[in-house]
Amino acid sequence: KTAYYHVFDILKQSNVTARRLLILFYTIGFGFFITV
């Protein structure tokens, strides 16, 4: 169990670039939708 969460916590924080892009496109998408 401890080993699982050790790996799980690393995976959660992986690929910062992809997560930044997700923030960008979700923010713009919701911005357009809320404006409508």
PDB file of all heavy atoms in Angstrom:
ATOM      1  N   LYS A   1       0.830  -1.213   0.000  1.00  0.00           N
ATOM      2  CA  LYS A   1       0.000   0.000   0.000  1.00  0.00           C
ATOM      3  C   LYS A   1       0.860   1.256   0.000  1.00  0.00           C
ATOM      4  O   LYS A   1       0.605   2.210  -0.743  1.00  0.00           O
ATOM      5  CB  LYS A   1      -0.938  -0.007   1.209  1.00  0.00           C
ATOM      6  CG  LYS A   1      -1.931   1.144   1.215  1.00  0.00           C
ATOM      7  CD  LYS A   1      -2.949   0.982   2.338  1.00  0.00           C
ATOM      8  CE  LYS A   1      -3.998   2.074   2.296  1.00  0.00           C
ATOM      9  NZ  LYS A   1      -5.043   1.881   3.350  1.00  0.00           N
ATOM     10  N   THR A   2       1.899   1.266   0.833  1.00  0.00           N
ATOM     11  CA  THR A   2       2.795   2.422   0.909  1.00  0.00           C
ATOM     12  C   THR A   2       3.527   2.623  -0.410  1.00  0.00           C
ATOM     13  O   THR A   2       3.692   3.754  -0.878  1.00  0.00           O
ATOM     14  CB  THR A   2       3.822   2.243   2.042  1.00  0.00           C
ATOM     15  OG1 THR A   2       3.144   1.899   3.251  1.00  0.00           O
ATOM     16  CG2 THR A   2       4.604   3.524   2.267  1.00  0.00           C
ATOM     17  N   ALA A   3       3.968   1.519  -1.021  1.00  0.00           N
ATOM     18  CA  ALA A   3       4.666   1.592  -2.308  1.00  0.00           C
ATOM     19  C   ALA A   3       3.744   2.134  -3.392  1.00  0.00           C
ATOM     20  O   ALA A   3       4.156   2.943  -4.243  1.00  0.00           O
ATOM     21  CB  ALA A   3       5.190   0.219  -2.703  1.00  0.00           C
ATOM     22  N   TYR A   4       2.490   1.705  -3.343  1.00  0.00           N
ATOM     23  CA  TYR A   4       1.507   2.172  -4.336  1.00  0.00           C
ATOM     24  C   TYR A   4       1.359   3.689  -4.264  1.00  0.00           C
ATOM     25  O   TYR A   4       1.430   4.387  -5.289  1.00  0.00           O
ATOM     26  CB  TYR A   4       0.156   1.506  -4.093  1.00  0.00           C
ATOM     27  CG  TYR A   4      -0.966   2.129  -4.888  1.00  0.00           C
ATOM     28  CD1 TYR A   4      -1.200   1.759  -6.207  1.00  0.00           C
ATOM     29  CD2 TYR A   4      -1.784   3.113  -4.328  1.00  0.00           C
ATOM     30  CE1 TYR A   4      -2.220   2.342  -6.949  1.00  0.00           C
ATOM     31  CE2 TYR A   4      -2.806   3.697  -5.050  1.00  0.00           C
ATOM     32  CZ  TYR A   4      -3.016   3.314  -6.358  1.00  0.00           C
ATOM     33  OH  TYR A   4      -4.025   3.907  -7.085  1.00  0.00           O
ATOM     34  N   TYR A   5       1.170   4.228  -3.063  1.00  0.00           N
ATOM     35  CA  TYR A   5       0.975   5.675  -2.928  1.00  0.00           C
ATOM     36  C   TYR A   5       2.264   6.456  -3.194  1.00  0.00           C
ATOM     37  O   TYR A   5       2.212   7.619  -3.603  1.00  0.00           O
ATOM     38  CB  TYR A   5       0.395   6.013  -1.557  1.00  0.00           C
ATOM     39  CG  TYR A   5      -1.086   5.712  -1.485  1.00  0.00           C
ATOM     40  CD1 TYR A   5      -1.577   4.687  -0.682  1.00  0.00           C
ATOM     41  CD2 TYR A   5      -1.991   6.438  -2.255  1.00  0.00           C
ATOM     42  CE1 TYR A   5      -2.936   4.396  -0.638  1.00  0.00           C
ATOM     43  CE2 TYR A   5      -3.354   6.148  -2.213  1.00  0.00           C
ATOM     44  CZ  TYR A   5      -3.821   5.142  -1.407  1.00  0.00           C
ATOM     45  OH  TYR A   5      -5.162   4.854  -1.381  1.00  0.00           O
ATOM     46  N   HIS A   6       3.410   5.810  -2.978  1.00  0.00           N
ATOM     47  CA  HIS A   6       4.686   6.435  -3.329  1.00  0.00           C
ATOM     48  C   HIS A   6       4.726   6.687  -4.833  1.00  0.00           C
ATOM     49  O   HIS A   6       5.072   7.796  -5.284  1.00  0.00           O
ATOM     50  CB  HIS A   6       5.843   5.528  -2.906  1.00  0.00           C
ATOM     51  CG  HIS A   6       7.196   6.116  -3.146  1.00  0.00           C
ATOM     52  ND1 HIS A   6       7.942   6.688  -2.136  1.00  0.00           N
ATOM     53  CD2 HIS A   6       7.940   6.235  -4.275  1.00  0.00           C
ATOM     54  CE1 HIS A   6       9.083   7.127  -2.630  1.00  0.00           C
ATOM     55  NE2 HIS A   6       9.108   6.861  -3.930  1.00  0.00           N
ATOM     56  N   VAL A   7       4.386   5.676  -5.606  1.00  0.00           N
ATOM     57  CA  VAL A   7       4.372   5.798  -7.068  1.00  0.00           C
ATOM     58  C   VAL A   7       3.214   6.696  -7.517  1.00  0.00           C
ATOM     59  O   VAL A   7       3.365   7.536  -8.410  1.00  0.00           O
ATOM     60  CB  VAL A   7       4.251   4.404  -7.720  1.00  0.00           C
ATOM     61  CG1 VAL A   7       4.130   4.531  -9.238  1.00  0.00           C
ATOM     62  CG2 VAL A   7       5.447   3.531  -7.355  1.00  0.00           C
ATOM     63  N   PHE A   8       2.066   6.538  -6.885  1.00  0.00           N
ATOM     64  CA  PHE A   8       0.869   7.313  -7.232  1.00  0.00           C
ATOM     65  C   PHE A   8       1.127   8.818  -7.106  1.00  0.00           C
ATOM     66  O   PHE A   8       0.743   9.616  -7.972  1.00  0.00           O
ATOM     67  CB  PHE A   8      -0.282   6.894  -6.311  1.00  0.00           C
ATOM     68  CG  PHE A   8      -1.611   7.513  -6.650  1.00  0.00           C
ATOM     69  CD1 PHE A   8      -2.412   6.966  -7.639  1.00  0.00           C
ATOM     70  CD2 PHE A   8      -2.061   8.628  -5.974  1.00  0.00           C
ATOM     71  CE1 PHE A   8      -3.647   7.524  -7.955  1.00  0.00           C
ATOM     72  CE2 PHE A   8      -3.290   9.205  -6.273  1.00  0.00           C
ATOM     73  CZ  PHE A   8      -4.091   8.654  -7.261  1.00  0.00           C
ATOM     74  N   ASP A   9       1.807   9.217  -6.032  1.00  0.00           N
ATOM     75  CA  ASP A   9       2.078  10.634  -5.800  1.00  0.00           C
ATOM     76  C   ASP A   9       3.030  11.208  -6.853  1.00  0.00           C
ATOM     77  O   ASP A   9       2.912  12.375  -7.238  1.00  0.00           O
ATOM     78  CB  ASP A   9       2.670  10.850  -4.398  1.00  0.00           C
ATOM     79  CG  ASP A   9       1.639  10.664  -3.293  1.00  0.00           C
ATOM     80  OD1 ASP A   9       0.429  10.749  -3.594  1.00  0.00           O
ATOM     81  OD2 ASP A   9       2.036  10.427  -2.136  1.00  0.00           O
ATOM     82  N   ILE A  10       3.963  10.397  -7.320  1.00  0.00           N
ATOM     83  CA  ILE A  10       4.866  10.846  -8.384  1.00  0.00           C
ATOM     84  C   ILE A  10       4.096  11.016  -9.689  1.00  0.00           C
ATOM     85  O   ILE A  10       4.249  12.011 -10.406  1.00  0.00           O
ATOM     86  CB  ILE A  10       6.027   9.854  -8.582  1.00  0.00           C
ATOM     87  CG1 ILE A  10       6.896   9.777  -7.319  1.00  0.00           C
ATOM     88  CG2 ILE A  10       6.890  10.267  -9.782  1.00  0.00           C
ATOM     89  CD1 ILE A  10       7.972   8.714  -7.375  1.00  0.00           C
ATOM     90  N   LEU A  11       3.244  10.041  -9.985  1.00  0.00           N
ATOM     91  CA  LEU A  11       2.457  10.091 -11.218  1.00  0.00           C
ATOM     92  C   LEU A  11       1.520  11.295 -11.244  1.00  0.00           C
ATOM     93  O   LEU A  11       1.318  11.918 -12.290  1.00  0.00           O
ATOM     94  CB  LEU A  11       1.644   8.803 -11.373  1.00  0.00           C
ATOM     95  CG  LEU A  11       2.420   7.540 -11.758  1.00  0.00           C
ATOM     96  CD1 LEU A  11       1.525   6.315 -11.637  1.00  0.00           C
ATOM     97  CD2 LEU A  11       2.951   7.664 -13.177  1.00  0.00           C
ATOM     98  N   LYS A  12       0.930  11.618 -10.106  1.00  0.00           N
ATOM     99  CA  LYS A  12      -0.008  12.748 -10.041  1.00  0.00           C
ATOM    100  C   LYS A  12       0.652  14.059 -10.463  1.00  0.00           C
ATOM    101  O   LYS A  12      -0.001  14.933 -11.040  1.00  0.00           O
ATOM    102  CB  LYS A  12      -0.571  12.900  -8.621  1.00  0.00           C
ATOM    103  CG  LYS A  12      -1.611  11.879  -8.232  1.00  0.00           C
ATOM    104  CD  LYS A  12      -2.399  12.316  -7.008  1.00  0.00           C
ATOM    105  CE  LYS A  12      -1.512  12.637  -5.828  1.00  0.00           C
ATOM    106  NZ  LYS A  12      -2.309  13.019  -4.643  1.00  0.00           N
ATOM    107  N   GLN A  13       1.947  14.185 -10.172  1.00  0.00           N
ATOM    108  CA  GLN A  13       2.658  15.425 -10.465  1.00  0.00           C
ATOM    109  C   GLN A  13       3.456  15.354 -11.770  1.00  0.00           C
ATOM    110  O   GLN A  13       4.212  16.277 -12.088  1.00  0.00           O
ATOM    111  CB  GLN A  13       3.612  15.755  -9.309  1.00  0.00           C
ATOM    112  CG  GLN A  13       2.947  15.934  -7.957  1.00  0.00           C
ATOM    113  CD  GLN A  13       2.010  17.135  -7.931  1.00  0.00           C
ATOM    114  OE1 GLN A  13       2.184  18.090  -8.688  1.00  0.00           O
ATOM    115  NE2 GLN A  13       1.012  17.091  -7.066  1.00  0.00           N
ATOM    116  N   SER A  14       3.282  14.287 -12.519  1.00  0.00           N
ATOM    117  CA  SER A  14       4.072  14.102 -13.735  1.00  0.00           C
ATOM    118  C   SER A  14       3.582  14.998 -14.876  1.00  0.00           C
ATOM    119  O   SER A  14       2.469  15.505 -14.860  1.00  0.00           O
ATOM    120  CB  SER A  14       4.018  12.630 -14.172  1.00  0.00           C
ATOM    121  OG  SER A  14       2.697  12.263 -14.545  1.00  0.00           O
ATOM    122  N   ASN A  15       4.437  15.169 -15.862  1.00  0.00           N
ATOM    123  CA  ASN A  15       4.135  15.878 -17.114  1.00  0.00           C
ATOM    124  C   ASN A  15       3.525  17.263 -16.878  1.00  0.00           C
ATOM    125  O   ASN A  15       2.356  17.518 -17.182  1.00  0.00           O
ATOM    126  CB  ASN A  15       3.198  15.027 -17.982  1.00  0.00           C
ATOM    127  CG  ASN A  15       3.357  15.357 -19.458  1.00  0.00           C
ATOM    128  OD1 ASN A  15       3.743  16.466 -19.815  1.00  0.00           O
ATOM    129  ND2 ASN A  15       3.036  14.393 -20.302  1.00  0.00           N
ATOM    130  N   VAL A  16       4.328  18.148 -16.368  1.00  0.00           N
ATOM    131  CA  VAL A  16       3.883  19.516 -16.060  1.00  0.00           C
ATOM    132  C   VAL A  16       3.416  20.250 -17.317  1.00  0.00           C
ATOM    133  O   VAL A  16       2.424  20.985 -17.290  1.00  0.00           O
ATOM    134  CB  VAL A  16       5.021  20.313 -15.385  1.00  0.00           C
ATOM    135  CG1 VAL A  16       4.602  21.756 -15.155  1.00  0.00           C
ATOM    136  CG2 VAL A  16       5.415  19.665 -14.061  1.00  0.00           C
ATOM    137  N   THR A  17       4.113  20.043 -18.433  1.00  0.00           N
ATOM    138  CA  THR A  17       3.755  20.733 -19.673  1.00  0.00           C
ATOM    139  C   THR A  17       2.339  20.402 -20.107  1.00  0.00           C
ATOM    140  O   THR A  17       1.559  21.295 -20.472  1.00  0.00           O
ATOM    141  CB  THR A  17       4.736  20.356 -20.804  1.00  0.00           C
ATOM    142  OG1 THR A  17       6.064  20.718 -20.432  1.00  0.00           O
ATOM    143  CG2 THR A  17       4.367  21.061 -22.095  1.00  0.00           C
ATOM    144  N   ALA A  18       1.979  19.120 -20.062  1.00  0.00           N
ATOM    145  CA  ALA A  18       0.628  18.710 -20.445  1.00  0.00           C
ATOM    146  C   ALA A  18      -0.410  19.316 -19.511  1.00  0.00           C
ATOM    147  O   ALA A  18      -1.485  19.754 -19.953  1.00  0.00           O
ATOM    148  CB  ALA A  18       0.519  17.181 -20.437  1.00  0.00           C
ATOM    149  N   ARG A  19      -0.108  19.377 -18.217  1.00  0.00           N
ATOM    150  CA  ARG A  19      -1.061  19.937 -17.257  1.00  0.00           C
ATOM    151  C   ARG A  19      -1.224  21.443 -17.450  1.00  0.00           C
ATOM    152  O   ARG A  19      -2.314  21.984 -17.280  1.00  0.00           O
ATOM    153  CB  ARG A  19      -0.624  19.604 -15.828  1.00  0.00           C
ATOM    154  CG  ARG A  19      -0.796  18.125 -15.487  1.00  0.00           C
ATOM    155  CD  ARG A  19      -0.531  17.825 -14.027  1.00  0.00           C
ATOM    156  NE  ARG A  19       0.870  17.868 -13.691  1.00  0.00           N
ATOM    157  CZ  ARG A  19       1.387  18.565 -12.697  1.00  0.00           C
ATOM    158  NH1 ARG A  19       0.609  19.322 -11.936  1.00  0.00           N
ATOM    159  NH2 ARG A  19       2.678  18.529 -12.439  1.00  0.00           N
ATOM    160  N   ARG A  20      -0.157  22.115 -17.838  1.00  0.00           N
ATOM    161  CA  ARG A  20      -0.252  23.547 -18.138  1.00  0.00           C
ATOM    162  C   ARG A  20      -1.155  23.784 -19.352  1.00  0.00           C
ATOM    163  O   ARG A  20      -1.961  24.718 -19.378  1.00  0.00           O
ATOM    164  CB  ARG A  20       1.137  24.119 -18.393  1.00  0.00           C
ATOM    165  CG  ARG A  20       1.960  24.353 -17.138  1.00  0.00           C
ATOM    166  CD  ARG A  20       3.368  24.779 -17.489  1.00  0.00           C
ATOM    167  NE  ARG A  20       4.138  25.133 -16.298  1.00  0.00           N
ATOM    168  CZ  ARG A  20       5.461  25.252 -16.290  1.00  0.00           C
ATOM    169  NH1 ARG A  20       6.159  25.018 -17.385  1.00  0.00           N
ATOM    170  NH2 ARG A  20       6.084  25.590 -15.175  1.00  0.00           N
ATOM    171  N   LEU A  21      -0.997  22.942 -20.364  1.00  0.00           N
ATOM    172  CA  LEU A  21      -1.828  23.071 -21.561  1.00  0.00           C
ATOM    173  C   LEU A  21      -3.295  22.794 -21.242  1.00  0.00           C
ATOM    174  O   LEU A  21      -4.195  23.449 -21.798  1.00  0.00           O
ATOM    175  CB  LEU A  21      -1.331  22.121 -22.648  1.00  0.00           C
ATOM    176  CG  LEU A  21       0.013  22.482 -23.291  1.00  0.00           C
ATOM    177  CD1 LEU A  21       0.472  21.375 -24.232  1.00  0.00           C
ATOM    178  CD2 LEU A  21      -0.100  23.808 -24.050  1.00  0.00           C
ATOM    179  N   LEU A  22      -3.547  21.843 -20.354  1.00  0.00           N
ATOM    180  CA  LEU A  22      -4.923  21.557 -19.949  1.00  0.00           C
ATOM    181  C   LEU A  22      -5.554  22.774 -19.274  1.00  0.00           C
ATOM    182  O   LEU A  22      -6.702  23.136 -19.569  1.00  0.00           O
ATOM    183  CB  LEU A  22      -4.961  20.353 -19.001  1.00  0.00           C
ATOM    184  CG  LEU A  22      -4.803  18.978 -19.638  1.00  0.00           C
ATOM    185  CD1 LEU A  22      -4.726  17.901 -18.561  1.00  0.00           C
ATOM    186  CD2 LEU A  22      -5.968  18.679 -20.568  1.00  0.00           C
ATOM    187  N   ILE A  23      -4.799  23.398 -18.378  1.00  0.00           N
ATOM    188  CA  ILE A  23      -5.285  24.614 -17.710  1.00  0.00           C
ATOM    189  C   ILE A  23      -5.632  25.680 -18.749  1.00  0.00           C
ATOM    190  O   ILE A  23      -6.680  26.334 -18.684  1.00  0.00           O
ATOM    191  CB  ILE A  23      -4.226  25.160 -16.731  1.00  0.00           C
ATOM    192  CG1 ILE A  23      -4.221  24.343 -15.442  1.00  0.00           C
ATOM    193  CG2 ILE A  23      -4.490  26.615 -16.390  1.00  0.00           C
ATOM    194  CD1 ILE A  23      -5.422  24.590 -14.550  1.00  0.00           C
ATOM    195  N   LEU A  24      -4.741  25.862 -19.723  1.00  0.00           N
ATOM    196  CA  LEU A  24      -4.919  26.883 -20.753  1.00  0.00           C
ATOM    197  C   LEU A  24      -6.193  26.644 -21.558  1.00  0.00           C
ATOM    198  O   LEU A  24      -7.045  27.540 -21.681  1.00  0.00           O
ATOM    199  CB  LEU A  24      -3.706  26.906 -21.681  1.00  0.00           C
ATOM    200  CG  LEU A  24      -3.793  27.835 -22.899  1.00  0.00           C
ATOM    201  CD1 LEU A  24      -3.868  29.287 -22.437  1.00  0.00           C
ATOM    202  CD2 LEU A  24      -2.599  27.623 -23.829  1.00  0.00           C
ATOM    203  N   PHE A  25      -6.351  25.427 -22.103  1.00  0.00           N
ATOM    204  CA  PHE A  25      -7.490  25.160 -22.990  1.00  0.00           C
ATOM    205  C   PHE A  25      -8.811  25.049 -22.233  1.00  0.00           C
ATOM    206  O   PHE A  25      -9.859  25.472 -22.743  1.00  0.00           O
ATOM    207  CB  PHE A  25      -7.225  23.904 -23.825  1.00  0.00           C
ATOM    208  CG  PHE A  25      -6.238  24.125 -24.934  1.00  0.00           C
ATOM    209  CD1 PHE A  25      -4.950  23.611 -24.863  1.00  0.00           C
ATOM    210  CD2 PHE A  25      -6.585  24.879 -26.043  1.00  0.00           C
ATOM    211  CE1 PHE A  25      -4.032  23.841 -25.875  1.00  0.00           C
ATOM    212  CE2 PHE A  25      -5.677  25.111 -27.068  1.00  0.00           C
ATOM    213  CZ  PHE A  25      -4.403  24.594 -26.984  1.00  0.00           C
ATOM    214  N   TYR A  26      -8.792  24.503 -21.025  1.00  0.00           N
ATOM    215  CA  TYR A  26     -10.023  24.476 -20.224  1.00  0.00           C
ATOM    216  C   TYR A  26     -10.464  25.892 -19.858  1.00  0.00           C
ATOM    217  O   TYR A  26     -11.656  26.216 -19.906  1.00  0.00           O
ATOM    218  CB  TYR A  26      -9.822  23.652 -18.949  1.00  0.00           C
ATOM    219  CG  TYR A  26      -9.967  22.167 -19.137  1.00  0.00           C
ATOM    220  CD1 TYR A  26      -9.046  21.273 -18.564  1.00  0.00           C
ATOM    221  CD2 TYR A  26     -11.025  21.627 -19.866  1.00  0.00           C
ATOM    222  CE1 TYR A  26      -9.170  19.904 -18.738  1.00  0.00           C
ATOM    223  CE2 TYR A  26     -11.157  20.259 -20.038  1.00  0.00           C
ATOM    224  CZ  TYR A  26     -10.225  19.397 -19.468  1.00  0.00           C
ATOM    225  OH  TYR A  26     -10.354  18.040 -19.625  1.00  0.00           O
ATOM    226  N   THR A  27      -9.503  26.747 -19.505  1.00  0.00           N
ATOM    227  CA  THR A  27      -9.826  28.124 -19.123  1.00  0.00           C
ATOM    228  C   THR A  27     -10.430  28.892 -20.295  1.00  0.00           C
ATOM    229  O   THR A  27     -11.462  29.572 -20.158  1.00  0.00           O
ATOM    230  CB  THR A  27      -8.565  28.869 -18.627  1.00  0.00           C
ATOM    231  OG1 THR A  27      -8.036  28.179 -17.480  1.00  0.00           O
ATOM    232  CG2 THR A  27      -8.898  30.295 -18.232  1.00  0.00           C
ATOM    233  N   ILE A  28      -9.804  28.776 -21.465  1.00  0.00           N
ATOM    234  CA  ILE A  28     -10.320  29.469 -22.650  1.00  0.00           C
ATOM    235  C   ILE A  28     -11.690  28.911 -23.036  1.00  0.00           C
ATOM    236  O   ILE A  28     -12.618  29.661 -23.349  1.00  0.00           O
ATOM    237  CB  ILE A  28      -9.339  29.330 -23.833  1.00  0.00           C
ATOM    238  CG1 ILE A  28      -8.020  30.019 -23.500  1.00  0.00           C
ATOM    239  CG2 ILE A  28      -9.941  29.929 -25.099  1.00  0.00           C
ATOM    240  CD1 ILE A  28      -6.943  29.823 -24.549  1.00  0.00           C
ATOM    241  N   GLY A  29     -11.816  27.568 -23.002  1.00  0.00           N
ATOM    242  CA  GLY A  29     -13.087  26.931 -23.360  1.00  0.00           C
ATOM    243  C   GLY A  29     -14.225  27.373 -22.468  1.00  0.00           C
ATOM    244  O   GLY A  29     -15.317  27.738 -22.949  1.00  0.00           O
ATOM    245  N   PHE A  30     -14.007  27.339 -21.151  1.00  0.00           N
ATOM    246  CA  PHE A  30     -15.045  27.768 -20.219  1.00  0.00           C
ATOM    247  C   PHE A  30     -15.309  29.268 -20.343  1.00  0.00           C
ATOM    248  O   PHE A  30     -16.437  29.729 -20.163  1.00  0.00           O
ATOM    249  CB  PHE A  30     -14.660  27.416 -18.782  1.00  0.00           C
ATOM    250  CG  PHE A  30     -14.928  25.992 -18.423  1.00  0.00           C
ATOM    251  CD1 PHE A  30     -13.880  25.119 -18.120  1.00  0.00           C
ATOM    252  CD2 PHE A  30     -16.228  25.490 -18.387  1.00  0.00           C
ATOM    253  CE1 PHE A  30     -14.126  23.798 -17.799  1.00  0.00           C
ATOM    254  CE2 PHE A  30     -16.478  24.167 -18.059  1.00  0.00           C
ATOM    255  CZ  PHE A  30     -15.429  23.314 -17.759  1.00  0.00           C
ATOM    256  N   GLY A  31     -14.264  30.033 -20.669  1.00  0.00           N
ATOM    257  CA  GLY A  31     -14.438  31.473 -20.852  1.00  0.00           C
ATOM    258  C   GLY A  31     -15.388  31.779 -21.994  1.00  0.00           C
ATOM    259  O   GLY A  31     -16.308  32.600 -21.859  1.00  0.00           O
ATOM    260  N   PHE A  32     -15.183  31.110 -23.134  1.00  0.00           N
ATOM    261  CA  PHE A  32     -16.080  31.282 -24.282  1.00  0.00           C
ATOM    262  C   PHE A  32     -17.508  30.859 -23.931  1.00  0.00           C
ATOM    263  O   PHE A  32     -18.477  31.553 -24.251  1.00  0.00           O
ATOM    264  CB  PHE A  32     -15.585  30.449 -25.477  1.00  0.00           C
ATOM    265  CG  PHE A  32     -14.405  31.038 -26.186  1.00  0.00           C
ATOM    266  CD1 PHE A  32     -13.429  30.210 -26.725  1.00  0.00           C
ATOM    267  CD2 PHE A  32     -14.264  32.407 -26.322  1.00  0.00           C
ATOM    268  CE1 PHE A  32     -12.330  30.751 -27.388  1.00  0.00           C
ATOM    269  CE2 PHE A  32     -13.169  32.962 -26.987  1.00  0.00           C
ATOM    270  CZ  PHE A  32     -12.204  32.121 -27.522  1.00  0.00           C
ATOM    271  N   PHE A  33     -17.626  29.706 -23.272  1.00  0.00           N
ATOM    272  CA  PHE A  33     -18.944  29.154 -22.966  1.00  0.00           C
ATOM    273  C   PHE A  33     -19.716  30.059 -21.998  1.00  0.00           C
ATOM    274  O   PHE A  33     -20.901  30.327 -22.185  1.00  0.00           O
ATOM    275  CB  PHE A  33     -18.789  27.755 -22.371  1.00  0.00           C
ATOM    276  CG  PHE A  33     -20.088  27.036 -22.155  1.00  0.00           C
ATOM    277  CD1 PHE A  33     -20.823  26.574 -23.236  1.00  0.00           C
ATOM    278  CD2 PHE A  33     -20.592  26.834 -20.879  1.00  0.00           C
ATOM    279  CE1 PHE A  33     -22.032  25.905 -23.049  1.00  0.00           C
ATOM    280  CE2 PHE A  33     -21.789  26.179 -20.689  1.00  0.00           C
ATOM    281  CZ  PHE A  33     -22.514  25.718 -21.770  1.00  0.00           C
ATOM    282  N   ILE A  34     -19.026  30.529 -20.964  1.00  0.00           N
ATOM    283  CA  ILE A  34     -19.677  31.406 -19.978  1.00  0.00           C
ATOM    284  C   ILE A  34     -20.088  32.731 -20.620  1.00  0.00           C
ATOM    285  O   ILE A  34     -21.141  33.288 -20.303  1.00  0.00           O
ATOM    286  CB  ILE A  34     -18.738  31.645 -18.773  1.00  0.00           C
ATOM    287  CG1 ILE A  34     -18.588  30.345 -17.975  1.00  0.00           C
ATOM    288  CG2 ILE A  34     -19.283  32.749 -17.867  1.00  0.00           C
ATOM    289  CD1 ILE A  34     -17.553  30.410 -16.879  1.00  0.00           C
ATOM    290  N   THR A  35     -19.264  33.229 -21.546  1.00  0.00           N
ATOM    291  CA  THR A  35     -19.609  34.472 -22.252  1.00  0.00           C
ATOM    292  C   THR A  35     -20.919  34.326 -23.006  1.00  0.00           C
ATOM    293  O   THR A  35     -21.774  35.223 -22.978  1.00  0.00           O
ATOM    294  CB  THR A  35     -18.480  34.861 -23.238  1.00  0.00           C
ATOM    295  OG1 THR A  35     -17.267  35.060 -22.513  1.00  0.00           O
ATOM    296  CG2 THR A  35     -18.832  36.141 -23.982  1.00  0.00           C
ATOM    297  N   VAL A  36     -21.097  33.195 -23.677  1.00  0.00           N
ATOM    298  CA  VAL A  36     -22.341  32.932 -24.406  1.00  0.00           C
ATOM    299  C   VAL A  36     -23.528  32.894 -23.441  1.00  0.00           C
ATOM    300  O   VAL A  36     -24.584  33.480 -23.705  1.00  0.00           O
ATOM    301  CB  VAL A  36     -22.244  31.604 -25.180  1.00  0.00           C
ATOM    302  CG1 VAL A  36     -23.603  31.229 -25.780  1.00  0.00           C
ATOM    303  CG2 VAL A  36     -21.202  31.698 -26.271  1.00  0.00           C
TER     304      VAL A  36
END
